[in-house]
Amino acid sequence: MVFLTAARQARKLRKAPDRWWRKKVIFDQAKHFYGRNSNCYSLAIRAVHRAWVFQNRNRHVKKWNLRRLWILRIHAGAKEHGLRYAQFVGGIIKHNIALDRKVLAQLAIYEPKTFQSLAELSKQKFEEGLLAGLAEDPDKIVNRLTTQEDLLEEGLRKLRLNAAQGTSPS
């Protein structure tokens, strides 16, 4: 049996009461609290439970805030190219480009030329209209896992097949 701390080993040897260990966990969690919340068990347990509730809720709030930030950044980037957020994302979806909001927001900030090309694609689909976007079925789904080398290899493979068949590439 492996003991991770000396305290746990002492518990096994002394068979100390479980109450002491339960209180120790609460006091360890309440160590940084202000006033009697860190010393008095009845106050500490309330404060720790309240902190756990906030911690649980704020894990979700953080995700919501990040999503709102990503949408705001994408909207600002799309606005620079004369599109609204919904038009931009709709055009990207019609082109079967599977990039999530986080990646699109990073592209808007750190890769403006790439974002501009995505905006042009999106604008093209928006100008073609809804029916033209639904009728056309693209050959390849582009996502963040597709690398430039994959696309290059696929293009070379198509050229080799066309050369073997004796047709011109189109």
N, C-alpha and C. Protein backbone atom coordinates (compact mmCIF):
# COMPACT_ATOMS: atom_id res chain seq x y z
N MET A 1 0.84 -1.17 0.00
CA MET A 1 0.00 0.00 0.00
C MET A 1 0.89 1.24 0.00
N VAL A 2 0.56 2.19 -0.90
CA VAL A 2 1.36 3.40 -1.04
C VAL A 2 0.64 4.54 -0.32
N PHE A 3 1.36 5.23 0.55
CA PHE A 3 0.80 6.38 1.25
C PHE A 3 1.35 7.64 0.60
N LEU A 4 0.46 8.52 0.17
CA LEU A 4 0.88 9.71 -0.53
C LEU A 4 1.37 10.80 0.42
N THR A 5 0.82 10.83 1.60
CA THR A 5 1.25 11.85 2.56
C THR A 5 1.48 11.20 3.92
N ALA A 6 2.22 11.90 4.74
CA ALA A 6 2.48 11.40 6.09
C ALA A 6 1.19 11.38 6.91
N ALA A 7 0.28 12.33 6.63
CA ALA A 7 -0.96 12.39 7.38
C ALA A 7 -1.81 11.14 7.13
N ARG A 8 -1.87 10.69 5.89
CA ARG A 8 -2.65 9.49 5.60
C ARG A 8 -2.02 8.26 6.23
N GLN A 9 -0.71 8.23 6.25
CA GLN A 9 -0.03 7.11 6.87
C GLN A 9 -0.31 7.11 8.37
N ALA A 10 -0.31 8.29 8.99
CA ALA A 10 -0.60 8.40 10.41
C ALA A 10 -2.02 7.95 10.70
N ARG A 11 -2.93 8.25 9.81
CA ARG A 11 -4.31 7.83 10.01
C ARG A 11 -4.41 6.31 10.03
N LYS A 12 -3.73 5.67 9.12
CA LYS A 12 -3.77 4.21 9.07
C LYS A 12 -3.14 3.60 10.33
N LEU A 13 -2.08 4.23 10.84
CA LEU A 13 -1.39 3.67 12.00
C LEU A 13 -2.16 3.92 13.29
N ARG A 14 -2.70 5.15 13.43
CA ARG A 14 -3.32 5.52 14.70
C ARG A 14 -4.80 5.20 14.76
N LYS A 15 -5.42 4.99 13.61
CA LYS A 15 -6.87 4.80 13.54
C LYS A 15 -7.58 5.99 14.17
N ALA A 16 -7.14 7.20 13.77
CA ALA A 16 -7.74 8.43 14.30
C ALA A 16 -9.19 8.52 13.85
N PRO A 17 -10.00 9.23 14.59
CA PRO A 17 -11.42 9.35 14.26
C PRO A 17 -11.62 10.04 12.89
N ASP A 18 -12.63 9.58 12.19
CA ASP A 18 -12.90 10.14 10.87
C ASP A 18 -13.33 11.61 10.93
N ARG A 19 -13.92 12.01 12.05
CA ARG A 19 -14.37 13.39 12.17
C ARG A 19 -13.21 14.37 12.01
N TRP A 20 -12.09 14.04 12.60
CA TRP A 20 -10.93 14.92 12.51
C TRP A 20 -10.51 15.09 11.06
N TRP A 21 -10.53 14.02 10.28
CA TRP A 21 -10.11 14.08 8.87
C TRP A 21 -11.11 14.83 8.02
N ARG A 22 -12.40 14.65 8.33
CA ARG A 22 -13.42 15.42 7.59
C ARG A 22 -13.24 16.90 7.84
N LYS A 23 -12.99 17.28 9.08
CA LYS A 23 -12.78 18.69 9.40
C LYS A 23 -11.51 19.20 8.75
N LYS A 24 -10.49 18.35 8.70
CA LYS A 24 -9.22 18.76 8.09
C LYS A 24 -9.42 19.14 6.62
N VAL A 25 -10.23 18.37 5.91
CA VAL A 25 -10.50 18.66 4.50
C VAL A 25 -11.16 20.03 4.37
N ILE A 26 -12.15 20.30 5.23
CA ILE A 26 -12.86 21.59 5.17
C ILE A 26 -11.91 22.72 5.53
N PHE A 27 -11.13 22.56 6.59
CA PHE A 27 -10.22 23.63 6.99
C PHE A 27 -9.13 23.86 5.94
N ASP A 28 -8.70 22.81 5.27
CA ASP A 28 -7.72 23.00 4.19
C ASP A 28 -8.32 23.83 3.06
N GLN A 29 -9.59 23.57 2.76
CA GLN A 29 -10.26 24.33 1.69
C GLN A 29 -10.51 25.79 2.12
N ALA A 30 -10.71 26.02 3.42
CA ALA A 30 -11.05 27.34 3.94
C ALA A 30 -9.85 28.11 4.44
N LYS A 31 -8.64 27.62 4.18
CA LYS A 31 -7.43 28.21 4.75
C LYS A 31 -7.27 29.69 4.39
N HIS A 32 -7.66 30.06 3.17
CA HIS A 32 -7.42 31.44 2.71
C HIS A 32 -8.61 32.36 2.98
N PHE A 33 -9.67 31.88 3.63
CA PHE A 33 -10.84 32.71 3.88
C PHE A 33 -10.53 33.74 4.97
N TYR A 34 -11.33 34.80 5.01
CA TYR A 34 -11.11 35.93 5.91
C TYR A 34 -11.85 35.71 7.23
N GLY A 35 -11.21 36.05 8.34
CA GLY A 35 -11.85 36.04 9.65
C GLY A 35 -12.13 34.64 10.17
N ARG A 36 -13.28 34.50 10.87
CA ARG A 36 -13.61 33.23 11.49
C ARG A 36 -14.00 32.17 10.47
N ASN A 37 -14.20 32.55 9.21
CA ASN A 37 -14.54 31.57 8.18
C ASN A 37 -13.42 30.55 7.98
N SER A 38 -12.22 30.89 8.39
CA SER A 38 -11.12 29.94 8.22
C SER A 38 -10.82 29.17 9.51
N ASN A 39 -11.38 29.60 10.66
CA ASN A 39 -11.07 28.97 11.95
C ASN A 39 -12.23 28.20 12.56
N CYS A 40 -13.43 28.73 12.43
CA CYS A 40 -14.60 28.15 13.07
C CYS A 40 -15.26 27.16 12.11
N TYR A 41 -15.42 25.89 12.55
CA TYR A 41 -15.87 24.85 11.64
C TYR A 41 -17.26 25.14 11.08
N SER A 42 -18.20 25.57 11.93
CA SER A 42 -19.57 25.79 11.45
C SER A 42 -19.62 26.90 10.40
N LEU A 43 -18.78 27.91 10.54
CA LEU A 43 -18.73 28.96 9.52
C LEU A 43 -17.92 28.52 8.31
N ALA A 44 -16.87 27.76 8.57
CA ALA A 44 -16.00 27.32 7.47
C ALA A 44 -16.73 26.38 6.52
N ILE A 45 -17.54 25.49 7.07
CA ILE A 45 -18.22 24.52 6.20
C ILE A 45 -19.24 25.23 5.32
N ARG A 46 -19.94 26.26 5.87
CA ARG A 46 -20.87 27.04 5.04
C ARG A 46 -20.12 27.78 3.93
N ALA A 47 -19.01 28.39 4.30
CA ALA A 47 -18.24 29.16 3.32
C ALA A 47 -17.66 28.25 2.23
N VAL A 48 -17.19 27.07 2.62
CA VAL A 48 -16.62 26.15 1.64
C VAL A 48 -17.71 25.64 0.69
N HIS A 49 -18.87 25.29 1.22
CA HIS A 49 -19.96 24.82 0.37
C HIS A 49 -20.40 25.91 -0.59
N ARG A 50 -20.45 27.14 -0.11
CA ARG A 50 -20.81 28.27 -0.96
C ARG A 50 -19.75 28.47 -2.05
N ALA A 51 -18.48 28.32 -1.69
CA ALA A 51 -17.41 28.46 -2.67
C ALA A 51 -17.50 27.36 -3.72
N TRP A 52 -17.86 26.14 -3.31
CA TRP A 52 -18.00 25.05 -4.27
C TRP A 52 -19.13 25.32 -5.26
N VAL A 53 -20.23 25.92 -4.76
CA VAL A 53 -21.35 26.26 -5.65
C VAL A 53 -20.89 27.28 -6.69
N PHE A 54 -20.19 28.32 -6.24
CA PHE A 54 -19.70 29.33 -7.17
C PHE A 54 -18.70 28.73 -8.16
N GLN A 55 -17.86 27.85 -7.67
CA GLN A 55 -16.85 27.22 -8.53
C GLN A 55 -17.53 26.40 -9.63
N ASN A 56 -18.54 25.64 -9.25
CA ASN A 56 -19.26 24.82 -10.22
C ASN A 56 -19.96 25.70 -11.26
N ARG A 57 -20.63 26.75 -10.81
CA ARG A 57 -21.35 27.64 -11.73
C ARG A 57 -20.39 28.37 -12.65
N ASN A 58 -19.28 28.83 -12.09
CA ASN A 58 -18.37 29.66 -12.88
C ASN A 58 -17.59 28.88 -13.93
N ARG A 59 -17.52 27.55 -13.76
CA ARG A 59 -16.92 26.76 -14.85
C ARG A 59 -17.75 26.90 -16.12
N HIS A 60 -19.07 26.95 -15.98
CA HIS A 60 -19.94 27.12 -17.14
C HIS A 60 -19.95 28.57 -17.60
N VAL A 61 -19.93 29.51 -16.67
CA VAL A 61 -19.94 30.93 -17.03
C VAL A 61 -18.70 31.28 -17.85
N LYS A 62 -17.57 30.67 -17.51
CA LYS A 62 -16.34 30.92 -18.26
C LYS A 62 -16.50 30.48 -19.72
N LYS A 63 -17.11 29.33 -19.92
CA LYS A 63 -17.34 28.84 -21.28
C LYS A 63 -18.27 29.78 -22.04
N TRP A 64 -19.33 30.27 -21.38
CA TRP A 64 -20.25 31.19 -22.04
C TRP A 64 -19.54 32.48 -22.42
N ASN A 65 -18.72 32.99 -21.51
CA ASN A 65 -18.02 34.25 -21.78
C ASN A 65 -17.03 34.10 -22.93
N LEU A 66 -16.33 32.98 -22.98
CA LEU A 66 -15.39 32.76 -24.08
C LEU A 66 -16.13 32.66 -25.41
N ARG A 67 -17.27 32.00 -25.42
CA ARG A 67 -18.05 31.90 -26.66
C ARG A 67 -18.51 33.28 -27.12
N ARG A 68 -18.98 34.11 -26.19
CA ARG A 68 -19.40 35.47 -26.54
C ARG A 68 -18.23 36.28 -27.09
N LEU A 69 -17.05 36.11 -26.50
CA LEU A 69 -15.86 36.81 -26.97
C LEU A 69 -15.49 36.38 -28.38
N TRP A 70 -15.54 35.06 -28.65
CA TRP A 70 -15.21 34.57 -29.98
C TRP A 70 -16.17 35.12 -31.02
N ILE A 71 -17.47 35.13 -30.70
CA ILE A 71 -18.47 35.65 -31.63
C ILE A 71 -18.23 37.12 -31.88
N LEU A 72 -17.90 37.87 -30.85
CA LEU A 72 -17.62 39.30 -30.99
C LEU A 72 -16.42 39.53 -31.91
N ARG A 73 -15.37 38.75 -31.76
CA ARG A 73 -14.18 38.90 -32.59
C ARG A 73 -14.46 38.52 -34.04
N ILE A 74 -15.22 37.45 -34.25
CA ILE A 74 -15.56 37.04 -35.61
C ILE A 74 -16.44 38.11 -36.26
N HIS A 75 -17.38 38.65 -35.51
CA HIS A 75 -18.26 39.70 -36.03
C HIS A 75 -17.45 40.93 -36.43
N ALA A 76 -16.49 41.31 -35.60
CA ALA A 76 -15.67 42.47 -35.92
C ALA A 76 -14.84 42.22 -37.18
N GLY A 77 -14.28 41.01 -37.30
CA GLY A 77 -13.50 40.67 -38.49
C GLY A 77 -14.36 40.63 -39.73
N ALA A 78 -15.57 40.10 -39.62
CA ALA A 78 -16.47 40.03 -40.78
C ALA A 78 -16.94 41.42 -41.18
N LYS A 79 -17.12 42.28 -40.19
CA LYS A 79 -17.58 43.64 -40.47
C LYS A 79 -16.54 44.42 -41.27
N GLU A 80 -15.26 44.14 -41.05
CA GLU A 80 -14.20 44.78 -41.81
C GLU A 80 -14.30 44.46 -43.30
N HIS A 81 -14.88 43.29 -43.60
CA HIS A 81 -15.00 42.85 -44.99
C HIS A 81 -16.41 43.02 -45.52
N GLY A 82 -17.25 43.78 -44.82
CA GLY A 82 -18.59 44.11 -45.30
C GLY A 82 -19.62 43.02 -45.09
N LEU A 83 -19.44 42.17 -44.11
CA LEU A 83 -20.40 41.10 -43.82
C LEU A 83 -20.87 41.17 -42.37
N ARG A 84 -22.05 40.65 -42.15
CA ARG A 84 -22.50 40.46 -40.78
C ARG A 84 -22.04 39.08 -40.32
N TYR A 85 -22.11 38.85 -39.01
CA TYR A 85 -21.68 37.56 -38.44
C TYR A 85 -22.47 36.41 -39.06
N ALA A 86 -23.80 36.56 -39.12
CA ALA A 86 -24.65 35.49 -39.63
C ALA A 86 -24.35 35.19 -41.10
N GLN A 87 -24.11 36.23 -41.89
CA GLN A 87 -23.78 36.03 -43.30
C GLN A 87 -22.44 35.31 -43.44
N PHE A 88 -21.47 35.73 -42.63
CA PHE A 88 -20.15 35.13 -42.69
C PHE A 88 -20.19 33.65 -42.34
N VAL A 89 -20.81 33.33 -41.21
CA VAL A 89 -20.88 31.94 -40.76
C VAL A 89 -21.74 31.11 -41.71
N GLY A 90 -22.83 31.69 -42.21
CA GLY A 90 -23.67 30.97 -43.16
C GLY A 90 -22.92 30.61 -44.42
N GLY A 91 -22.12 31.55 -44.94
CA GLY A 91 -21.34 31.27 -46.14
C GLY A 91 -20.29 30.21 -45.90
N ILE A 92 -19.68 30.23 -44.74
CA ILE A 92 -18.67 29.22 -44.40
C ILE A 92 -19.31 27.83 -44.30
N ILE A 93 -20.50 27.77 -43.73
CA ILE A 93 -21.20 26.50 -43.62
C ILE A 93 -21.58 25.97 -45.00
N LYS A 94 -22.01 26.86 -45.89
CA LYS A 94 -22.39 26.44 -47.24
C LYS A 94 -21.18 25.93 -48.02
N HIS A 95 -20.00 26.40 -47.70
CA HIS A 95 -18.77 25.92 -48.34
C HIS A 95 -18.22 24.67 -47.67
N ASN A 96 -18.91 24.18 -46.65
CA ASN A 96 -18.47 23.00 -45.88
C ASN A 96 -17.10 23.19 -45.26
N ILE A 97 -16.83 24.37 -44.76
CA ILE A 97 -15.60 24.63 -44.02
C ILE A 97 -15.93 24.45 -42.55
N ALA A 98 -15.35 23.44 -41.94
CA ALA A 98 -15.71 23.06 -40.57
C ALA A 98 -14.70 23.64 -39.58
N LEU A 99 -14.75 24.95 -39.39
CA LEU A 99 -13.90 25.60 -38.38
C LEU A 99 -14.81 26.11 -37.28
N ASP A 100 -14.41 25.88 -36.03
CA ASP A 100 -15.24 26.34 -34.93
C ASP A 100 -14.98 27.81 -34.62
N ARG A 101 -15.76 28.36 -33.69
CA ARG A 101 -15.67 29.79 -33.37
C ARG A 101 -14.30 30.16 -32.81
N LYS A 102 -13.72 29.28 -32.03
CA LYS A 102 -12.41 29.58 -31.43
C LYS A 102 -11.36 29.78 -32.52
N VAL A 103 -11.32 28.88 -33.49
CA VAL A 103 -10.33 28.96 -34.55
C VAL A 103 -10.61 30.17 -35.44
N LEU A 104 -11.89 30.44 -35.74
CA LEU A 104 -12.22 31.60 -36.57
C LEU A 104 -11.82 32.90 -35.89
N ALA A 105 -12.01 32.96 -34.57
CA ALA A 105 -11.62 34.16 -33.83
C ALA A 105 -10.10 34.35 -33.85
N GLN A 106 -9.36 33.24 -33.72
CA GLN A 106 -7.90 33.35 -33.80
C GLN A 106 -7.45 33.76 -35.18
N LEU A 107 -8.12 33.25 -36.21
CA LEU A 107 -7.78 33.66 -37.58
C LEU A 107 -8.07 35.14 -37.78
N ALA A 108 -9.15 35.62 -37.23
CA ALA A 108 -9.50 37.03 -37.38
C ALA A 108 -8.44 37.94 -36.76
N ILE A 109 -7.81 37.49 -35.69
CA ILE A 109 -6.82 38.33 -35.00
C ILE A 109 -5.43 38.13 -35.58
N TYR A 110 -4.99 36.87 -35.68
CA TYR A 110 -3.59 36.61 -35.99
C TYR A 110 -3.30 36.30 -37.46
N GLU A 111 -4.33 35.93 -38.23
CA GLU A 111 -4.15 35.61 -39.65
C GLU A 111 -5.18 36.38 -40.48
N PRO A 112 -5.01 37.71 -40.62
CA PRO A 112 -6.04 38.49 -41.31
C PRO A 112 -6.20 38.14 -42.79
N LYS A 113 -5.12 37.71 -43.45
CA LYS A 113 -5.25 37.37 -44.87
C LYS A 113 -6.05 36.08 -45.05
N THR A 114 -5.83 35.13 -44.19
CA THR A 114 -6.61 33.89 -44.24
C THR A 114 -8.08 34.19 -43.95
N PHE A 115 -8.32 35.05 -42.97
CA PHE A 115 -9.68 35.41 -42.63
C PHE A 115 -10.33 36.16 -43.79
N GLN A 116 -9.55 36.98 -44.47
CA GLN A 116 -10.07 37.72 -45.62
C GLN A 116 -10.50 36.75 -46.73
N SER A 117 -9.70 35.71 -46.97
CA SER A 117 -10.08 34.74 -48.00
C SER A 117 -11.35 33.99 -47.60
N LEU A 118 -11.50 33.69 -46.31
CA LEU A 118 -12.74 33.06 -45.84
C LEU A 118 -13.92 34.02 -46.01
N ALA A 119 -13.70 35.29 -45.75
CA ALA A 119 -14.76 36.28 -45.91
C ALA A 119 -15.16 36.42 -47.37
N GLU A 120 -14.18 36.35 -48.27
CA GLU A 120 -14.50 36.42 -49.70
C GLU A 120 -15.30 35.21 -50.15
N LEU A 121 -14.92 34.02 -49.67
CA LEU A 121 -15.70 32.81 -49.97
C LEU A 121 -17.12 32.95 -49.45
N SER A 122 -17.24 33.45 -48.24
CA SER A 122 -18.54 33.59 -47.62
C SER A 122 -19.38 34.62 -48.37
N LYS A 123 -18.75 35.72 -48.77
CA LYS A 123 -19.46 36.75 -49.52
C LYS A 123 -19.93 36.22 -50.87
N GLN A 124 -19.09 35.39 -51.49
CA GLN A 124 -19.44 34.78 -52.77
C GLN A 124 -20.71 33.93 -52.62
N LYS A 125 -20.75 33.10 -51.61
CA LYS A 125 -21.94 32.26 -51.37
C LYS A 125 -23.15 33.12 -51.04
N PHE A 126 -22.93 34.19 -50.29
CA PHE A 126 -24.04 35.05 -49.90
C PHE A 126 -24.62 35.73 -51.14
N GLU A 127 -23.77 36.15 -52.07
CA GLU A 127 -24.24 36.83 -53.27
C GLU A 127 -24.89 35.86 -54.25
N GLU A 128 -24.43 34.61 -54.28
CA GLU A 128 -25.04 33.62 -55.16
C GLU A 128 -26.48 33.32 -54.75
N GLY A 129 -26.73 33.37 -53.49
CA GLY A 129 -28.07 33.11 -53.01
C GLY A 129 -28.18 31.74 -52.37
N LEU A 130 -29.29 31.51 -51.71
CA LEU A 130 -29.49 30.29 -50.96
C LEU A 130 -29.59 29.06 -51.86
N LEU A 131 -30.31 29.16 -52.96
CA LEU A 131 -30.51 27.99 -53.83
C LEU A 131 -29.21 27.54 -54.48
N ALA A 132 -28.37 28.50 -54.93
CA ALA A 132 -27.10 28.13 -55.55
C ALA A 132 -26.19 27.46 -54.53
N GLY A 133 -26.23 27.90 -53.29
CA GLY A 133 -25.40 27.30 -52.26
C GLY A 133 -25.83 25.88 -51.92
N LEU A 134 -27.14 25.60 -52.01
CA LEU A 134 -27.62 24.27 -51.69
C LEU A 134 -27.43 23.30 -52.86
N ALA A 135 -27.49 23.81 -54.10
CA ALA A 135 -27.39 22.94 -55.27
C ALA A 135 -25.97 22.41 -55.46
N GLU A 136 -24.99 23.22 -55.12
CA GLU A 136 -23.60 22.83 -55.36
C GLU A 136 -23.10 21.95 -54.21
N ASP A 137 -22.42 20.88 -54.55
CA ASP A 137 -21.88 19.97 -53.54
C ASP A 137 -20.36 19.97 -53.66
N PRO A 138 -19.63 20.56 -52.71
CA PRO A 138 -18.17 20.63 -52.85
C PRO A 138 -17.51 19.26 -52.72
N ASP A 139 -16.33 19.14 -53.34
CA ASP A 139 -15.60 17.87 -53.33
C ASP A 139 -15.00 17.56 -51.97
N LYS A 140 -14.50 18.55 -51.30
CA LYS A 140 -13.68 18.34 -50.10
C LYS A 140 -14.22 19.16 -48.95
N ILE A 141 -14.27 18.58 -47.78
CA ILE A 141 -14.60 19.32 -46.56
C ILE A 141 -13.29 19.78 -45.95
N VAL A 142 -13.17 21.07 -45.75
CA VAL A 142 -11.95 21.64 -45.19
C VAL A 142 -12.19 21.89 -43.71
N ASN A 143 -11.31 21.36 -42.88
CA ASN A 143 -11.40 21.65 -41.46
C ASN A 143 -10.01 21.93 -40.93
N ARG A 144 -9.91 22.16 -39.63
CA ARG A 144 -8.62 22.57 -39.08
C ARG A 144 -7.62 21.42 -39.04
N LEU A 145 -8.08 20.18 -39.28
CA LEU A 145 -7.17 19.05 -39.30
C LEU A 145 -6.58 18.82 -40.70
N THR A 146 -7.18 19.43 -41.71
CA THR A 146 -6.67 19.31 -43.07
C THR A 146 -5.49 20.26 -43.22
N THR A 147 -4.36 19.73 -43.61
CA THR A 147 -3.18 20.57 -43.76
C THR A 147 -2.96 20.90 -45.23
N GLN A 148 -2.07 21.85 -45.46
CA GLN A 148 -1.74 22.24 -46.82
C GLN A 148 -1.12 21.06 -47.56
N GLU A 149 -0.34 20.25 -46.87
CA GLU A 149 0.30 19.10 -47.50
C GLU A 149 -0.75 18.09 -47.97
N ASP A 150 -1.81 17.89 -47.18
CA ASP A 150 -2.87 16.97 -47.58
C ASP A 150 -3.53 17.45 -48.87
N LEU A 151 -3.82 18.76 -48.93
CA LEU A 151 -4.46 19.30 -50.12
C LEU A 151 -3.53 19.20 -51.33
N LEU A 152 -2.23 19.44 -51.13
CA LEU A 152 -1.25 19.34 -52.21
C LEU A 152 -1.15 17.90 -52.72
N GLU A 153 -1.09 16.95 -51.80
CA GLU A 153 -1.02 15.54 -52.19
C GLU A 153 -2.25 15.12 -52.97
N GLU A 154 -3.42 15.60 -52.54
CA GLU A 154 -4.66 15.27 -53.25
C GLU A 154 -4.65 15.85 -54.66
N GLY A 155 -4.17 17.09 -54.78
CA GLY A 155 -4.09 17.72 -56.11
C GLY A 155 -3.12 16.98 -57.02
N LEU A 156 -1.96 16.58 -56.48
CA LEU A 156 -0.99 15.83 -57.28
C LEU A 156 -1.55 14.47 -57.70
N ARG A 157 -2.28 13.83 -56.80
CA ARG A 157 -2.88 12.54 -57.13
C ARG A 157 -3.88 12.69 -58.27
N LYS A 158 -4.68 13.76 -58.25
CA LYS A 158 -5.64 13.99 -59.33
C LYS A 158 -4.92 14.25 -60.65
N LEU A 159 -3.82 15.02 -60.60
CA LEU A 159 -3.05 15.29 -61.82
C LEU A 159 -2.47 13.99 -62.40
N ARG A 160 -1.95 13.12 -61.53
CA ARG A 160 -1.39 11.86 -62.00
C ARG A 160 -2.46 10.97 -62.64
N LEU A 161 -3.64 10.94 -62.01
CA LEU A 161 -4.73 10.14 -62.58
C LEU A 161 -5.14 10.68 -63.94
N ASN A 162 -5.24 12.00 -64.05
CA ASN A 162 -5.62 12.62 -65.33
C ASN A 162 -4.54 12.37 -66.37
N ALA A 163 -3.27 12.43 -65.99
CA ALA A 163 -2.17 12.19 -66.94
C ALA A 163 -2.18 10.73 -67.38
N ALA A 164 -2.48 9.82 -66.47
CA ALA A 164 -2.52 8.40 -66.81
C ALA A 164 -3.66 8.10 -67.77
N GLN A 165 -4.79 8.82 -67.61
CA GLN A 165 -5.94 8.60 -68.47
C GLN A 165 -5.80 9.36 -69.79
N GLY A 166 -4.88 10.33 -69.85
CA GLY A 166 -4.68 11.10 -71.06
C GLY A 166 -5.64 12.26 -71.22
N THR A 167 -6.25 12.69 -70.13
CA THR A 167 -7.15 13.83 -70.21
C THR A 167 -6.46 15.03 -69.58
N SER A 168 -6.99 16.19 -69.93
CA SER A 168 -6.42 17.42 -69.35
C SER A 168 -7.09 17.68 -68.01
N PRO A 169 -6.32 18.25 -67.05
CA PRO A 169 -6.92 18.52 -65.74
C PRO A 169 -7.91 19.66 -65.83
N SER A 170 -9.00 19.52 -65.07
CA SER A 170 -9.99 20.59 -65.07
C SER A 170 -10.35 20.97 -63.66
